[in-house]
Amino acid sequence: MRASVGDQLLVHGRIVGQHDRIAQIIEVLGADGGPPFRVRFEDGHEAIMSPGPDAVVRHPPGRQE
């Protein structure tokens, strides 16, 4: 999984009733665009994440991996 600052991280809910969460990637801490990432969620909460298989990186339109 590779990302750049400005990409979104979509974390799928893992249990029934849990909604997907979207976070903005604000810093890439790993080598060559890899995890961990510093992210900011829609509610303003920031975290450092090493996403698992329940997450997907979304690139802005016009930019491909």
C-alpha atoms as a PDB file:
ATOM      1  CA  MET A   1       0.000   0.000   0.000  1.00  0.00           C
ATOM      2  CA  ARG A   2       1.495   3.304  -1.112  1.00  0.00           C
ATOM      3  CA  ALA A   3       0.161   6.790  -0.503  1.00  0.00           C
ATOM      4  CA  SER A   4       1.040  10.469  -0.749  1.00  0.00           C
ATOM      5  CA  VAL A   5       0.060  13.476   1.327  1.00  0.00           C
ATOM      6  CA  GLY A   6      -3.442  14.476   0.260  1.00  0.00           C
ATOM      7  CA  ASP A   7      -4.671  10.948  -0.461  1.00  0.00           C
ATOM      8  CA  GLN A   8      -7.571   9.532   1.510  1.00  0.00           C
ATOM      9  CA  LEU A   9      -7.538   6.392   3.609  1.00  0.00           C
ATOM     10  CA  LEU A  10     -10.864   4.546   3.593  1.00  0.00           C
ATOM     11  CA  VAL A  11     -11.167   2.169   6.544  1.00  0.00           C
ATOM     12  CA  HIS A  12     -14.076  -0.253   6.140  1.00  0.00           C
ATOM     13  CA  GLY A  13     -16.221  -1.119   9.158  1.00  0.00           C
ATOM     14  CA  ARG A  14     -15.283  -4.555  10.487  1.00  0.00           C
ATOM     15  CA  ILE A  15     -18.500  -5.473  12.248  1.00  0.00           C
ATOM     16  CA  VAL A  16     -22.173  -5.172  11.338  1.00  0.00           C
ATOM     17  CA  GLY A  17     -23.400  -1.633  11.963  1.00  0.00           C
ATOM     18  CA  GLN A  18     -19.940  -0.059  12.021  1.00  0.00           C
ATOM     19  CA  HIS A  19     -19.622   2.608   9.341  1.00  0.00           C
ATOM     20  CA  ASP A  20     -16.660   3.146   7.038  1.00  0.00           C
ATOM     21  CA  ARG A  21     -14.302   5.915   8.144  1.00  0.00           C
ATOM     22  CA  ILE A  22     -12.444   8.288   5.851  1.00  0.00           C
ATOM     23  CA  ALA A  23      -9.193   9.965   6.858  1.00  0.00           C
ATOM     24  CA  GLN A  24      -6.975  12.446   5.026  1.00  0.00           C
ATOM     25  CA  ILE A  25      -3.315  11.430   4.863  1.00  0.00           C
ATOM     26  CA  ILE A  26      -1.345  14.367   6.221  1.00  0.00           C
ATOM     27  CA  GLU A  27       2.094  12.736   6.520  1.00  0.00           C
ATOM     28  CA  VAL A  28       3.731   9.602   5.140  1.00  0.00           C
ATOM     29  CA  LEU A  29       6.171   8.191   7.686  1.00  0.00           C
ATOM     30  CA  GLY A  30       7.271   5.042   5.844  1.00  0.00           C
ATOM     31  CA  ALA A  31       9.813   4.610   3.081  1.00  0.00           C
ATOM     32  CA  ASP A  32       8.700   5.056  -0.555  1.00  0.00           C
ATOM     33  CA  GLY A  33       5.139   6.079   0.333  1.00  0.00           C
ATOM     34  CA  GLY A  34       4.484   3.091   2.574  1.00  0.00           C
ATOM     35  CA  PRO A  35       2.936   2.968   6.050  1.00  0.00           C
ATOM     36  CA  PRO A  36       2.758   4.170   8.716  1.00  0.00           C
ATOM     37  CA  PHE A  37       0.700   7.259   7.863  1.00  0.00           C
ATOM     38  CA  ARG A  38      -0.334  10.211  10.000  1.00  0.00           C
ATOM     39  CA  VAL A  39      -4.017  10.749   9.235  1.00  0.00           C
ATOM     40  CA  ARG A  40      -6.778  13.191  10.183  1.00  0.00           C
ATOM     41  CA  PHE A  41     -10.322  11.862  10.428  1.00  0.00           C
ATOM     42  CA  GLU A  42     -13.436  13.877   9.562  1.00  0.00           C
ATOM     43  CA  ASP A  43     -14.028  14.705  13.251  1.00  0.00           C
ATOM     44  CA  GLY A  44     -10.533  16.261  13.550  1.00  0.00           C
ATOM     45  CA  HIS A  45      -8.988  13.302  15.402  1.00  0.00           C
ATOM     46  CA  GLU A  46      -5.412  12.544  14.275  1.00  0.00           C
ATOM     47  CA  ALA A  47      -3.683   9.177  14.486  1.00  0.00           C
ATOM     48  CA  ILE A  48      -0.691   7.260  13.189  1.00  0.00           C
ATOM     49  CA  MET A  49      -1.892   4.182  11.317  1.00  0.00           C
ATOM     50  CA  SER A  50      -0.407   1.149   9.649  1.00  0.00           C
ATOM     51  CA  PRO A  51      -3.540   0.094   7.772  1.00  0.00           C
ATOM     52  CA  GLY A  52      -4.562  -3.528   7.458  1.00  0.00           C
ATOM     53  CA  PRO A  53      -6.545  -5.379   4.797  1.00  0.00           C
ATOM     54  CA  ASP A  54      -9.717  -3.504   5.781  1.00  0.00           C
ATOM     55  CA  ALA A  55      -8.318  -0.206   4.401  1.00  0.00           C
ATOM     56  CA  VAL A  56      -7.883   1.257   0.910  1.00  0.00           C
ATOM     57  CA  VAL A  57      -5.952   4.304  -0.300  1.00  0.00           C
ATOM     58  CA  ARG A  58      -7.931   6.632  -2.569  1.00  0.00           C
ATOM     59  CA  HIS A  59      -5.908   8.917  -4.815  1.00  0.00           C
ATOM     60  CA  PRO A  60      -7.269  12.299  -5.950  1.00  0.00           C
ATOM     61  CA  PRO A  61      -8.716  12.377  -9.496  1.00  0.00           C
ATOM     62  CA  GLY A  62      -5.988  12.626 -12.114  1.00  0.00           C
ATOM     63  CA  ARG A  63      -3.284  11.012  -9.976  1.00  0.00           C
ATOM     64  CA  GLN A  64      -2.616   7.316 -10.286  1.00  0.00           C
ATOM     65  CA  GLU A  65      -0.358   5.032  -8.242  1.00  0.00           C
END
